[in-house]
Protein backbone atom coordinates (compact mmCIF):
# COMPACT_ATOMS: atom_id res chain seq x y z
CA MET A 1 185.87 121.60 53.26
CA ALA A 2 183.23 121.91 55.98
CA ILE A 3 180.58 120.64 53.58
CA LEU A 4 182.73 117.61 52.74
CA GLY A 5 183.30 116.87 56.42
CA GLY A 6 179.59 117.20 57.18
CA SER A 7 178.71 114.96 54.24
CA LEU A 8 181.15 112.30 55.41
CA ALA A 9 179.66 112.40 58.90
CA VAL A 10 176.13 111.95 57.53
CA LEU A 11 177.21 109.14 55.20
CA SER A 12 179.03 107.44 58.06
CA GLN A 13 175.85 107.56 60.14
CA ILE A 14 173.80 106.12 57.26
CA VAL A 15 176.27 103.26 56.76
CA GLY A 16 176.19 102.50 60.50
CA THR A 17 172.39 102.47 60.53
CA GLY A 18 172.32 100.18 57.48
CA GLY A 19 174.80 97.80 59.09
CA ASP A 20 172.73 97.64 62.28
CA ALA A 21 169.56 96.96 60.27
CA ALA A 22 171.27 94.20 58.28
CA ARG A 23 172.54 92.53 61.45
CA SER A 24 169.12 92.80 63.05
CA ALA A 25 167.47 91.23 59.99
CA LYS A 26 170.01 88.39 59.97
CA GLU A 27 169.47 87.65 63.66
CA LEU A 28 165.67 87.80 63.25
CA ALA A 29 165.83 85.31 60.37
CA MET A 30 167.99 82.99 62.48
CA ALA A 31 165.63 83.37 65.46
CA ARG A 32 162.67 82.43 63.22
CA LEU A 33 164.47 79.34 61.94
CA LEU A 34 165.45 78.21 65.44
CA CYS A 35 161.96 78.90 66.79
CA GLN A 36 160.31 76.81 64.07
CA SER A 37 162.81 74.02 64.70
CA LYS A 38 162.16 73.99 68.46
CA LEU A 39 158.39 74.05 67.90
CA ALA A 40 158.72 71.03 65.61
CA GLU A 41 160.69 69.20 68.33
CA VAL A 42 157.99 70.00 70.90
CA MET A 43 155.19 68.93 68.54
CA VAL A 44 156.79 65.53 67.92
CA THR A 45 156.40 64.61 71.57
CA ALA A 46 153.25 66.65 72.29
CA THR A 47 150.84 64.09 70.82
CA THR A 48 151.77 61.38 73.32
CA VAL A 49 153.27 63.24 76.27
CA MET A 50 152.10 66.34 78.09
CA PRO A 51 154.39 69.16 76.90
CA THR A 52 156.26 70.93 79.68
CA ALA A 53 157.45 74.49 80.02
CA VAL A 54 161.15 75.15 79.50
CA PRO A 55 162.81 78.19 81.10
CA PRO A 56 165.10 80.35 78.93
CA THR A 57 167.85 78.01 77.75
CA PRO A 58 170.85 78.83 75.54
CA LEU A 59 170.91 77.39 72.03
CA PRO A 60 174.05 76.88 70.00
CA SER A 61 174.10 79.21 67.02
CA PRO A 62 174.03 77.34 63.71
CA ASP A 63 176.28 80.05 62.28
CA SER A 64 179.84 79.29 63.36
CA GLU A 65 180.98 82.83 62.58
CA SER A 66 178.33 84.49 64.75
CA ASP A 67 178.99 85.43 68.35
CA THR A 68 175.28 85.97 69.05
CA VAL A 69 173.78 83.71 71.70
CA PHE A 70 170.19 82.54 71.22
CA ASN A 71 167.94 81.61 74.14
CA PHE A 72 164.71 79.69 73.74
CA ALA A 73 161.80 79.18 76.11
CA VAL A 74 158.65 77.06 75.94
CA ASP A 75 155.46 78.09 77.72
CA VAL A 76 152.49 75.75 78.03
CA ALA A 77 149.14 77.17 79.11
CA PRO A 78 145.46 76.34 78.71
CA ALA A 79 144.08 77.84 75.51
CA ALA A 80 140.94 79.93 75.21
CA MET A 81 138.88 76.81 74.40
CA ASP A 82 138.41 73.84 76.71
CA GLY A 83 140.47 70.78 75.83
CA LEU A 84 143.22 72.73 74.09
CA LEU A 85 146.69 73.78 75.15
CA ALA A 86 148.57 76.80 73.85
CA ILE A 87 152.25 76.05 73.32
CA ARG A 88 154.37 79.16 72.86
CA VAL A 89 157.99 78.84 71.76
CA SER A 90 160.09 82.00 71.98
CA VAL A 91 163.63 82.59 70.74
CA GLU A 92 165.65 85.64 71.67
CA ALA A 93 168.96 86.75 70.16
CA VAL A 94 170.94 88.15 73.08
CA ASN A 95 173.06 91.21 72.45
CA PRO A 96 176.68 89.91 72.33
CA GLU A 97 177.90 93.06 74.04
CA GLY A 98 175.74 92.16 77.03
CA ASP A 99 174.06 95.53 77.29
CA GLY A 100 170.83 96.88 75.91
CA PRO A 101 167.80 95.04 74.61
CA ALA A 102 167.80 91.77 72.71
CA VAL A 103 168.88 91.98 69.08
CA ALA A 104 165.84 89.98 67.90
CA ASN A 105 162.79 88.23 69.37
CA TYR A 106 160.50 85.74 67.68
CA SER A 107 157.61 83.67 69.07
CA ILE A 108 155.22 81.09 67.67
CA THR A 109 152.06 79.93 69.42
CA ARG A 110 150.35 76.70 68.44
CA TRP A 111 147.19 75.19 69.89
CA ILE A 112 147.04 71.42 70.34
CA LEU A 113 144.60 68.95 71.84
CA ASP A 114 145.30 68.37 75.51
CA PRO A 115 146.96 64.92 75.67
CA THR A 116 145.58 64.39 79.19
CA LEU A 117 142.01 64.27 77.84
CA GLY A 118 142.58 60.73 76.60
CA LEU A 119 140.88 61.29 73.25
CA GLU A 120 143.21 58.85 71.52
CA GLN A 121 142.32 56.17 74.07
CA LEU A 122 138.58 56.78 73.57
CA GLU A 123 139.03 56.55 69.81
CA ALA A 124 140.99 53.29 70.17
CA GLU A 125 138.28 51.84 72.43
CA ALA A 126 135.56 52.85 69.95
CA ASN A 127 137.51 51.24 67.09
CA ALA A 128 138.00 48.07 69.15
CA ALA A 129 134.28 47.91 69.96
CA ALA A 130 133.36 48.38 66.30
CA GLN A 131 135.84 45.68 65.30
CA SER A 132 134.46 43.22 67.86
CA GLU A 133 130.90 43.88 66.62
CA ALA A 134 132.05 43.29 63.05
CA ASP A 135 133.80 40.07 64.09
CA ALA A 136 130.67 38.88 65.94
CA ALA A 137 128.50 39.62 62.91
CA ALA A 138 130.95 37.81 60.63
CA SER A 139 131.06 34.73 62.87
CA ALA A 140 127.25 34.67 63.09
CA THR A 141 127.03 34.79 59.29
CA ASP A 142 129.64 32.02 58.94
CA SER A 143 127.79 29.71 61.35
CA GLY A 144 124.51 30.22 59.54
CA ALA A 145 122.68 31.74 62.50
CA ILE A 146 121.03 35.02 61.78
């Protein structure tokens, strides 16, 4: 009888550990999905507007049955190379019981060209200058003067 009781205690512990691991994997997968989604939102505006840092902000969970709260944060910092920015998006699954560490953390860092450099404007000016030279050459050819 003691062996049966001990076996049940060990099996109960194993089931509990497996359940915790499954929940952790589910929350990590959700954190990855939300992180990629937020990074895509930031990247849409990052080409024209200087991205700004966002402090930890709650996100609604896409899973209606989950009571886990997700927080996301955006950090913008100069990258290791001049003219680049490092955008880091982090998502954290907060423990619903309110105690202990986060259930899951996930971060993505992407480097982008610094929009304040004005590279797009320089490219547009170069294209306009090339177009005006081509137009001038075409009008000179049409008028017969070479």
